[in-house]
PDB file of N, CA and C in Angstrom:
ATOM      1  N   MET A   1       0.664  -1.281  -0.046  1.00  0.00           N
ATOM      2  CA  MET A   1      -0.050   0.020  -0.018  1.00  0.00           C
ATOM      3  C   MET A   1       0.884   1.317  -0.129  1.00  0.00           C
ATOM      4  N   GLN A   2       2.246   1.130   0.648  1.00  0.00           N
ATOM      5  CA  GLN A   2       2.848   2.206   0.643  1.00  0.00           C
ATOM      6  C   GLN A   2       3.653   2.622  -0.815  1.00  0.00           C
ATOM      7  N   GLU A   3       3.487   1.453  -1.477  1.00  0.00           N
ATOM      8  CA  GLU A   3       4.335   1.786  -2.660  1.00  0.00           C
ATOM      9  C   GLU A   3       3.343   2.518  -3.560  1.00  0.00           C
ATOM     10  N   VAL A   4       1.948   2.304  -3.492  1.00  0.00           N
ATOM     11  CA  VAL A   4       0.907   2.865  -4.303  1.00  0.00           C
ATOM     12  C   VAL A   4       0.922   4.376  -3.912  1.00  0.00           C
ATOM     13  N   ILE A   5       0.833   4.733  -2.509  1.00  0.00           N
ATOM     14  CA  ILE A   5       1.027   5.970  -2.112  1.00  0.00           C
ATOM     15  C   ILE A   5       2.301   6.777  -2.572  1.00  0.00           C
ATOM     16  N   ARG A   6       3.343   6.169  -2.438  1.00  0.00           N
ATOM     17  CA  ARG A   6       4.546   6.650  -2.753  1.00  0.00           C
ATOM     18  C   ARG A   6       4.626   7.127  -4.289  1.00  0.00           C
ATOM     19  N   GLY A   7       4.024   6.132  -5.204  1.00  0.00           N
ATOM     20  CA  GLY A   7       3.657   6.233  -6.373  1.00  0.00           C
ATOM     21  C   GLY A   7       3.013   7.615  -6.994  1.00  0.00           C
ATOM     22  N   LEU A   8       2.150   7.666  -6.237  1.00  0.00           N
ATOM     23  CA  LEU A   8       1.017   8.671  -6.068  1.00  0.00           C
ATOM     24  C   LEU A   8       2.109  10.157  -6.126  1.00  0.00           C
ATOM     25  N   PHE A   9       2.440  10.126  -4.948  1.00  0.00           N
ATOM     26  CA  PHE A   9       3.070  11.281  -4.839  1.00  0.00           C
ATOM     27  C   PHE A   9       4.372  11.632  -5.826  1.00  0.00           C
ATOM     28  N   ARG A  10       5.132  10.660  -6.127  1.00  0.00           N
ATOM     29  CA  ARG A  10       5.994  10.681  -7.024  1.00  0.00           C
ATOM     30  C   ARG A  10       5.133  11.121  -8.547  1.00  0.00           C
ATOM     31  N   GLY A  11       4.162  10.653  -8.896  1.00  0.00           N
ATOM     32  CA  GLY A  11       3.392  11.190 -10.095  1.00  0.00           C
ATOM     33  C   GLY A  11       2.781  12.483 -10.074  1.00  0.00           C
ATOM     34  N   ALA A  12       2.570  12.785  -8.877  1.00  0.00           N
ATOM     35  CA  ALA A  12       2.042  14.390  -8.652  1.00  0.00           C
ATOM     36  C   ALA A  12       3.118  15.485  -8.724  1.00  0.00           C
ATOM     37  N   LYS A  13       4.454  15.011  -8.468  1.00  0.00           N
ATOM     38  CA  LYS A  13       5.384  16.042  -8.568  1.00  0.00           C
ATOM     39  C   LYS A  13       5.750  16.266 -10.013  1.00  0.00           C
ATOM     40  N   ARG A  14       5.595  15.449 -10.934  1.00  0.00           N
ATOM     41  CA  ARG A  14       5.908  15.578 -12.410  1.00  0.00           C
ATOM     42  C   ARG A  14       4.556  16.458 -12.995  1.00  0.00           C
ATOM     43  N   GLY A  15       5.084  17.320 -13.872  1.00  0.00           N
ATOM     44  CA  GLY A  15       4.171  18.132 -14.412  1.00  0.00           C
ATOM     45  C   GLY A  15       3.412  17.649 -15.483  1.00  0.00           C
ATOM     46  N   VAL A  16       2.981  18.487 -16.564  1.00  0.00           N
ATOM     47  CA  VAL A  16       2.361  18.079 -17.687  1.00  0.00           C
ATOM     48  C   VAL A  16       3.304  17.192 -18.451  1.00  0.00           C
ATOM     49  N   MET A  17       3.007  15.999 -19.093  1.00  0.00           N
ATOM     50  CA  MET A  17       4.083  15.438 -19.906  1.00  0.00           C
ATOM     51  C   MET A  17       4.187  15.947 -21.151  1.00  0.00           C
ATOM     52  N   THR A  18       5.355  16.315 -21.801  1.00  0.00           N
ATOM     53  CA  THR A  18       5.433  16.970 -23.034  1.00  0.00           C
ATOM     54  C   THR A  18       6.221  15.845 -23.928  1.00  0.00           C
ATOM     55  N   SER A  19       6.252  16.579 -25.252  1.00  0.00           N
ATOM     56  CA  SER A  19       6.915  15.504 -26.129  1.00  0.00           C
ATOM     57  C   SER A  19       8.277  15.322 -25.896  1.00  0.00           C
ATOM     58  N   LYS A  20       8.805  16.369 -25.179  1.00  0.00           N
ATOM     59  CA  LYS A  20      10.459  16.300 -24.902  1.00  0.00           C
ATOM     60  C   LYS A  20      10.855  15.489 -23.909  1.00  0.00           C
ATOM     61  N   GLN A  21       9.908  14.907 -23.132  1.00  0.00           N
ATOM     62  CA  GLN A  21      10.100  13.893 -21.996  1.00  0.00           C
ATOM     63  C   GLN A  21       9.640  12.579 -22.507  1.00  0.00           C
ATOM     64  N   GLY A  22      10.434  11.477 -21.624  1.00  0.00           N
ATOM     65  CA  GLY A  22      10.206  10.284 -21.966  1.00  0.00           C
ATOM     66  C   GLY A  22      10.899   9.877 -23.272  1.00  0.00           C
ATOM     67  N   ARG A  23      11.454   8.685 -23.283  1.00  0.00           N
ATOM     68  CA  ARG A  23      12.181   8.207 -24.310  1.00  0.00           C
ATOM     69  C   ARG A  23      11.305   7.583 -25.477  1.00  0.00           C
ATOM     70  N   ASN A  24      10.064   6.861 -25.034  1.00  0.00           N
ATOM     71  CA  ASN A  24       9.217   6.470 -26.200  1.00  0.00           C
ATOM     72  C   ASN A  24       7.831   7.059 -26.232  1.00  0.00           C
ATOM     73  N   PHE A  25       7.829   8.142 -25.779  1.00  0.00           N
ATOM     74  CA  PHE A  25       6.603   9.135 -25.693  1.00  0.00           C
ATOM     75  C   PHE A  25       6.569   9.823 -26.799  1.00  0.00           C
ATOM     76  N   TYR A  26       5.344   9.861 -27.659  1.00  0.00           N
ATOM     77  CA  TYR A  26       5.033  10.649 -28.747  1.00  0.00           C
ATOM     78  C   TYR A  26       3.683  11.321 -28.457  1.00  0.00           C
ATOM     79  N   LYS A  27       3.657  12.522 -28.246  1.00  0.00           N
ATOM     80  CA  LYS A  27       2.356  13.171 -27.792  1.00  0.00           C
ATOM     81  C   LYS A  27       1.537  13.426 -28.931  1.00  0.00           C
ATOM     82  N   GLY A  28       2.041  13.975 -30.003  1.00  0.00           N
ATOM     83  CA  GLY A  28       1.181  14.231 -31.054  1.00  0.00           C
ATOM     84  C   GLY A  28       0.466  15.267 -30.843  1.00  0.00           C
ATOM     85  N   ASN A  29      -0.698  15.671 -32.009  1.00  0.00           N
ATOM     86  CA  ASN A  29      -1.282  16.732 -31.637  1.00  0.00           C
ATOM     87  C   ASN A  29      -3.068  16.592 -32.361  1.00  0.00           C
ATOM     88  N   ARG A  30      -3.170  15.019 -32.248  1.00  0.00           N
ATOM     89  CA  ARG A  30      -4.531  14.780 -32.383  1.00  0.00           C
ATOM     90  C   ARG A  30      -4.993  15.000 -33.830  1.00  0.00           C
ATOM     91  N   THR A  31      -4.113  15.154 -34.692  1.00  0.00           N
ATOM     92  CA  THR A  31      -4.706  15.273 -35.964  1.00  0.00           C
ATOM     93  C   THR A  31      -4.860  14.113 -36.752  1.00  0.00           C
ATOM     94  N   GLY A  32      -4.407  12.930 -36.638  1.00  0.00           N
ATOM     95  CA  GLY A  32      -4.486  11.580 -37.387  1.00  0.00           C
ATOM     96  C   GLY A  32      -3.800  11.910 -38.540  1.00  0.00           C
ATOM     97  N   SER A  33      -3.396  10.638 -39.240  1.00  0.00           N
ATOM     98  CA  SER A  33      -2.816  10.522 -40.479  1.00  0.00           C
ATOM     99  C   SER A  33      -3.772  10.691 -41.603  1.00  0.00           C
ATOM    100  N   MET A  34      -3.258  11.651 -42.782  1.00  0.00           N
ATOM    101  CA  MET A  34      -4.130  11.664 -43.796  1.00  0.00           C
ATOM    102  C   MET A  34      -3.404  11.050 -45.240  1.00  0.00           C
ATOM    103  N   GLY A  35      -2.535  10.074 -45.040  1.00  0.00           N
ATOM    104  CA  GLY A  35      -1.914   9.493 -46.071  1.00  0.00           C
ATOM    105  C   GLY A  35      -1.013   8.263 -45.573  1.00  0.00           C
ATOM    106  N   ARG A  36       0.314   8.151 -46.207  1.00  0.00           N
ATOM    107  CA  ARG A  36       1.247   7.313 -45.835  1.00  0.00           C
ATOM    108  C   ARG A  36       2.545   7.697 -46.449  1.00  0.00           C
ATOM    109  N   HIS A  37       3.514   7.196 -45.498  1.00  0.00           N
ATOM    110  CA  HIS A  37       4.963   7.586 -46.010  1.00  0.00           C
ATOM    111  C   HIS A  37       5.192   6.630 -47.229  1.00  0.00           C
ATOM    112  N   THR A  38       5.905   7.038 -48.202  1.00  0.00           N
ATOM    113  CA  THR A  38       6.718   6.333 -49.340  1.00  0.00           C
ATOM    114  C   THR A  38       7.871   5.777 -48.947  1.00  0.00           C
ATOM    115  N   LYS A  39       8.489   4.786 -49.921  1.00  0.00           N
ATOM    116  CA  LYS A  39       9.664   4.194 -49.539  1.00  0.00           C
ATOM    117  C   LYS A  39      11.001   5.049 -49.832  1.00  0.00           C
ATOM    118  N   HIS A  40      10.534   5.936 -50.875  1.00  0.00           N
ATOM    119  CA  HIS A  40      11.334   7.182 -50.951  1.00  0.00           C
ATOM    120  C   HIS A  40      11.645   8.583 -50.411  1.00  0.00           C
ATOM    121  N   GLY A  41      10.840   8.228 -49.205  1.00  0.00           N
ATOM    122  CA  GLY A  41      10.920   9.433 -48.157  1.00  0.00           C
ATOM    123  C   GLY A  41       9.817  10.446 -48.482  1.00  0.00           C
ATOM    124  N   GLY A  42       9.027  10.247 -49.417  1.00  0.00           N
ATOM    125  CA  GLY A  42       7.708  11.137 -49.748  1.00  0.00           C
ATOM    126  C   GLY A  42       6.580  10.691 -48.743  1.00  0.00           C
ATOM    127  N   TYR A  43       5.580  11.597 -49.082  1.00  0.00           N
ATOM    128  CA  TYR A  43       4.379  11.203 -48.585  1.00  0.00           C
ATOM    129  C   TYR A  43       3.232  11.402 -49.414  1.00  0.00           C
ATOM    130  N   THR A  44       2.335  10.348 -49.437  1.00  0.00           N
ATOM    131  CA  THR A  44       1.039  10.261 -50.299  1.00  0.00           C
ATOM    132  C   THR A  44      -0.062  10.418 -49.619  1.00  0.00           C
ATOM    133  N   ILE A  45      -0.889  11.425 -50.193  1.00  0.00           N
ATOM    134  CA  ILE A  45      -2.031  11.734 -49.369  1.00  0.00           C
ATOM    135  C   ILE A  45      -3.202  11.027 -49.761  1.00  0.00           C
ATOM    136  N   ASP A  46      -4.023  10.363 -48.791  1.00  0.00           N
ATOM    137  CA  ASP A  46      -5.022   9.498 -49.389  1.00  0.00           C
ATOM    138  C   ASP A  46      -6.330  10.413 -49.176  1.00  0.00           C
ATOM    139  N   MET A  47      -6.909  10.465 -50.157  1.00  0.00           N
ATOM    140  CA  MET A  47      -8.275  11.653 -50.118  1.00  0.00           C
ATOM    141  C   MET A  47      -9.377  10.941 -49.354  1.00  0.00           C
ATOM    142  N   ASP A  48      -9.336   9.387 -48.999  1.00  0.00           N
ATOM    143  CA  ASP A  48     -10.286   8.869 -48.359  1.00  0.00           C
ATOM    144  C   ASP A  48     -10.089   9.325 -46.570  1.00  0.00           C
ATOM    145  N   LYS A  49      -8.912   9.648 -46.162  1.00  0.00           N
ATOM    146  CA  LYS A  49      -8.557   9.919 -45.007  1.00  0.00           C
ATOM    147  C   LYS A  49      -8.682  11.405 -44.654  1.00  0.00           C
ATOM    148  N   VAL A  50      -8.437  12.260 -45.487  1.00  0.00           N
ATOM    149  CA  VAL A  50      -8.749  13.755 -45.478  1.00  0.00           C
ATOM    150  C   VAL A  50     -10.156  14.212 -45.066  1.00  0.00           C
ATOM    151  N   ARG A  51     -10.006  15.081 -43.998  1.00  0.00           N
ATOM    152  CA  ARG A  51     -11.591  15.543 -43.511  1.00  0.00           C
ATOM    153  C   ARG A  51     -12.217  16.394 -44.491  1.00  0.00           C
ATOM    154  N   THR A  52     -13.118  16.024 -44.656  1.00  0.00           N
ATOM    155  CA  THR A  52     -14.227  17.047 -45.583  1.00  0.00           C
ATOM    156  C   THR A  52     -15.262  17.484 -44.715  1.00  0.00           C
ATOM    157  N   PHE A  53     -15.769  18.498 -44.948  1.00  0.00           N
ATOM    158  CA  PHE A  53     -16.819  19.337 -44.031  1.00  0.00           C
ATOM    159  C   PHE A  53     -17.862  19.555 -45.137  1.00  0.00           C
ATOM    160  N   VAL A  54     -19.254  18.969 -44.936  1.00  0.00           N
ATOM    161  CA  VAL A  54     -20.374  19.064 -45.730  1.00  0.00           C
ATOM    162  C   VAL A  54     -21.083  20.431 -45.115  1.00  0.00           C
ATOM    163  N   VAL A  55     -21.175  21.527 -45.884  1.00  0.00           N
ATOM    164  CA  VAL A  55     -21.604  22.700 -45.625  1.00  0.00           C
ATOM    165  C   VAL A  55     -22.964  22.900 -46.448  1.00  0.00           C
ATOM    166  N   PRO A  56     -24.060  23.196 -45.938  1.00  0.00           N
ATOM    167  CA  PRO A  56     -25.339  23.318 -46.698  1.00  0.00           C
ATOM    168  C   PRO A  56     -25.227  24.808 -47.308  1.00  0.00           C
ATOM    169  N   ASP A  57     -25.936  24.744 -48.700  1.00  0.00           N
ATOM    170  CA  ASP A  57     -26.192  25.972 -49.368  1.00  0.00           C
ATOM    171  C   ASP A  57     -26.701  27.193 -48.431  1.00  0.00           C
ATOM    172  N   LEU A  58     -25.965  28.093 -48.233  1.00  0.00           N
ATOM    173  CA  LEU A  58     -26.477  29.185 -47.464  1.00  0.00           C
ATOM    174  C   LEU A  58     -26.889  30.479 -48.457  1.00  0.00           C
ATOM    175  N   SER A  59     -26.755  30.170 -49.749  1.00  0.00           N
ATOM    176  CA  SER A  59     -27.033  31.685 -50.324  1.00  0.00           C
ATOM    177  C   SER A  59     -28.478  32.384 -50.226  1.00  0.00           C
ATOM    178  N   ALA A  60     -29.362  31.629 -49.657  1.00  0.00           N
ATOM    179  CA  ALA A  60     -30.752  31.994 -49.773  1.00  0.00           C
ATOM    180  C   ALA A  60     -31.077  32.306 -48.329  1.00  0.00           C
ATOM    181  N   CYS A  61     -29.942  32.256 -47.475  1.00  0.00           N
ATOM    182  CA  CYS A  61     -30.420  32.471 -45.831  1.00  0.00           C
ATOM    183  C   CYS A  61     -30.188  33.906 -45.590  1.00  0.00           C
ATOM    184  N   GLU A  62     -31.317  34.215 -44.775  1.00  0.00           N
ATOM    185  CA  GLU A  62     -31.483  35.602 -44.570  1.00  0.00           C
ATOM    186  C   GLU A  62     -30.788  36.132 -42.975  1.00  0.00           C
ATOM    187  N   PHE A  63     -30.087  34.928 -42.486  1.00  0.00           N
ATOM    188  CA  PHE A  63     -29.291  35.348 -41.215  1.00  0.00           C
ATOM    189  C   PHE A  63     -28.008  35.800 -41.836  1.00  0.00           C
ATOM    190  N   LYS A  64     -27.375  36.692 -40.818  1.00  0.00           N
ATOM    191  CA  LYS A  64     -26.240  37.095 -41.203  1.00  0.00           C
ATOM    192  C   LYS A  64     -25.068  36.598 -40.081  1.00  0.00           C
ATOM    193  N   PRO A  65     -23.769  36.441 -40.432  1.00  0.00           N
ATOM    194  CA  PRO A  65     -22.868  35.926 -39.452  1.00  0.00           C
ATOM    195  C   PRO A  65     -22.614  36.614 -38.101  1.00  0.00           C
ATOM    196  N   TYR A  66     -22.586  37.908 -38.383  1.00  0.00           N
ATOM    197  CA  TYR A  66     -22.255  38.841 -37.163  1.00  0.00           C
ATOM    198  C   TYR A  66     -23.338  40.121 -37.116  1.00  0.00           C
ATOM    199  N   VAL A  67     -23.200  40.609 -35.808  1.00  0.00           N
ATOM    200  CA  VAL A  67     -24.103  41.582 -35.327  1.00  0.00           C
ATOM    201  C   VAL A  67     -23.523  42.912 -35.708  1.00  0.00           C
ATOM    202  N   SER A  68     -24.092  43.892 -36.369  1.00  0.00           N
ATOM    203  CA  SER A  68     -23.448  44.994 -36.555  1.00  0.00           C
ATOM    204  C   SER A  68     -23.276  45.718 -35.213  1.00  0.00           C
ATOM    205  N   ARG A  69     -22.065  46.732 -35.456  1.00  0.00           N
ATOM    206  CA  ARG A  69     -21.917  47.724 -34.439  1.00  0.00           C
ATOM    207  C   ARG A  69     -22.739  48.863 -34.241  1.00  0.00           C
ATOM    208  N   ARG A  70     -23.642  49.164 -35.141  1.00  0.00           N
ATOM    209  CA  ARG A  70     -24.586  50.147 -35.288  1.00  0.00           C
ATOM    210  C   ARG A  70     -25.995  49.544 -34.805  1.00  0.00           C
ATOM    211  N   SER A  71     -25.868  48.336 -34.350  1.00  0.00           N
ATOM    212  CA  SER A  71     -27.437  48.086 -34.094  1.00  0.00           C
ATOM    213  C   SER A  71     -27.973  48.724 -32.566  1.00  0.00           C
ATOM    214  N   THR A  72     -28.866  48.943 -32.454  1.00  0.00           N
ATOM    215  CA  THR A  72     -29.373  49.496 -31.378  1.00  0.00           C
ATOM    216  C   THR A  72     -29.411  48.584 -30.135  1.00  0.00           C
ATOM    217  N   LYS A  73     -29.059  48.974 -29.082  1.00  0.00           N
ATOM    218  CA  LYS A  73     -28.956  48.523 -27.760  1.00  0.00           C
ATOM    219  C   LYS A  73     -30.353  48.558 -26.931  1.00  0.00           C
ATOM    220  N   PHE A  74     -30.577  47.088 -26.417  1.00  0.00           N
ATOM    221  CA  PHE A  74     -31.880  47.127 -25.928  1.00  0.00           C
ATOM    222  C   PHE A  74     -31.712  46.297 -24.617  1.00  0.00           C
ATOM    223  N   LYS A  75     -32.412  46.328 -23.557  1.00  0.00           N
ATOM    224  CA  LYS A  75     -32.085  45.828 -22.341  1.00  0.00           C
ATOM    225  C   LYS A  75     -33.601  45.183 -21.859  1.00  0.00           C
ATOM    226  N   THR A  76     -33.627  43.973 -21.657  1.00  0.00           N
ATOM    227  CA  THR A  76     -34.785  43.326 -21.279  1.00  0.00           C
ATOM    228  C   THR A  76     -34.623  42.638 -19.834  1.00  0.00           C
ATOM    229  N   ASP A  77     -35.710  42.916 -18.962  1.00  0.00           N
ATOM    230  CA  ASP A  77     -35.478  42.210 -17.521  1.00  0.00           C
ATOM    231  C   ASP A  77     -35.467  40.796 -17.817  1.00  0.00           C
ATOM    232  N   PRO A  78     -34.896  40.129 -16.667  1.00  0.00           N
ATOM    233  CA  PRO A  78     -34.893  38.702 -16.665  1.00  0.00           C
ATOM    234  C   PRO A  78     -36.410  38.351 -16.346  1.00  0.00           C
ATOM    235  N   PRO A  79     -36.660  37.065 -16.958  1.00  0.00           N
ATOM    236  CA  PRO A  79     -37.954  36.350 -16.464  1.00  0.00           C
ATOM    237  C   PRO A  79     -38.083  35.915 -15.022  1.00  0.00           C
ATOM    238  N   THR A  80     -39.197  36.490 -14.596  1.00  0.00           N
ATOM    239  CA  THR A  80     -39.808  36.262 -13.065  1.00  0.00           C
ATOM    240  C   THR A  80     -40.523  34.801 -13.101  1.00  0.00           C
ATOM    241  N   ALA A  81     -41.080  34.509 -11.845  1.00  0.00           N
ATOM    242  CA  ALA A  81     -41.976  33.168 -11.923  1.00  0.00           C
ATOM    243  C   ALA A  81     -43.474  33.480 -12.343  1.00  0.00           C
ATOM    244  N   GLU A  82     -43.748  34.854 -12.124  1.00  0.00           N
ATOM    245  CA  GLU A  82     -44.901  35.408 -12.712  1.00  0.00           C
ATOM    246  C   GLU A  82     -45.057  35.314 -14.128  1.00  0.00           C
ATOM    247  N   HIS A  83     -44.081  35.577 -14.872  1.00  0.00           N
ATOM    248  CA  HIS A  83     -44.079  35.544 -16.383  1.00  0.00           C
ATOM    249  C   HIS A  83     -44.022  34.233 -16.752  1.00  0.00           C
ATOM    250  N   TYR A  84     -43.491  33.163 -16.104  1.00  0.00           N
ATOM    251  CA  TYR A  84     -43.915  31.578 -16.464  1.00  0.00           C
ATOM    252  C   TYR A  84     -45.259  31.375 -15.969  1.00  0.00           C
ATOM    253  N   ALA A  85     -45.693  31.827 -14.892  1.00  0.00           N
ATOM    254  CA  ALA A  85     -47.207  31.459 -14.542  1.00  0.00           C
ATOM    255  C   ALA A  85     -48.339  32.012 -15.602  1.00  0.00           C
ATOM    256  N   ALA A  86     -48.022  33.235 -15.998  1.00  0.00           N
ATOM    257  CA  ALA A  86     -48.655  34.127 -17.029  1.00  0.00           C
ATOM    258  C   ALA A  86     -49.000  32.971 -18.418  1.00  0.00           C
ATOM    259  N   LYS A  87     -48.053  32.243 -18.720  1.00  0.00           N
ATOM    260  CA  LYS A  87     -48.239  31.756 -20.063  1.00  0.00           C
ATOM    261  C   LYS A  87     -48.992  30.482 -19.755  1.00  0.00           C
ATOM    262  N   GLU A  88     -49.365  30.060 -18.862  1.00  0.00           N
ATOM    263  CA  GLU A  88     -50.320  28.746 -18.566  1.00  0.00           C
ATOM    264  C   GLU A  88     -51.673  29.003 -18.745  1.00  0.00           C
TER     265      GLU A  88
END
C-alpha cells in the first residue's frame, strides 16, 4: 500500500508530460494521418482519410454571421416566476 501512495506522490510531482520528456513518448496533436509515407521519403495523401466538411447552401439564408456595431442596444428584464405562470 505504501508503494501505491509513494507512486501517487511521485507522479504528482511531475508536471504535464510533453513530447520532450520520456524516451518512447510521442504526444502528437490529435490530427491523425491523412496518408502514408513512401519508401523514397515522400508522403502520399489518401483522399479517403482527408477530413471534408459538408456545408449546406446558405445563399438564400437571411441570417447574417455577425451583429453590426450600429445596431441599437436594448435591455430586457430577466423572466420572473409570474412571467412563467402567465403563460399557462
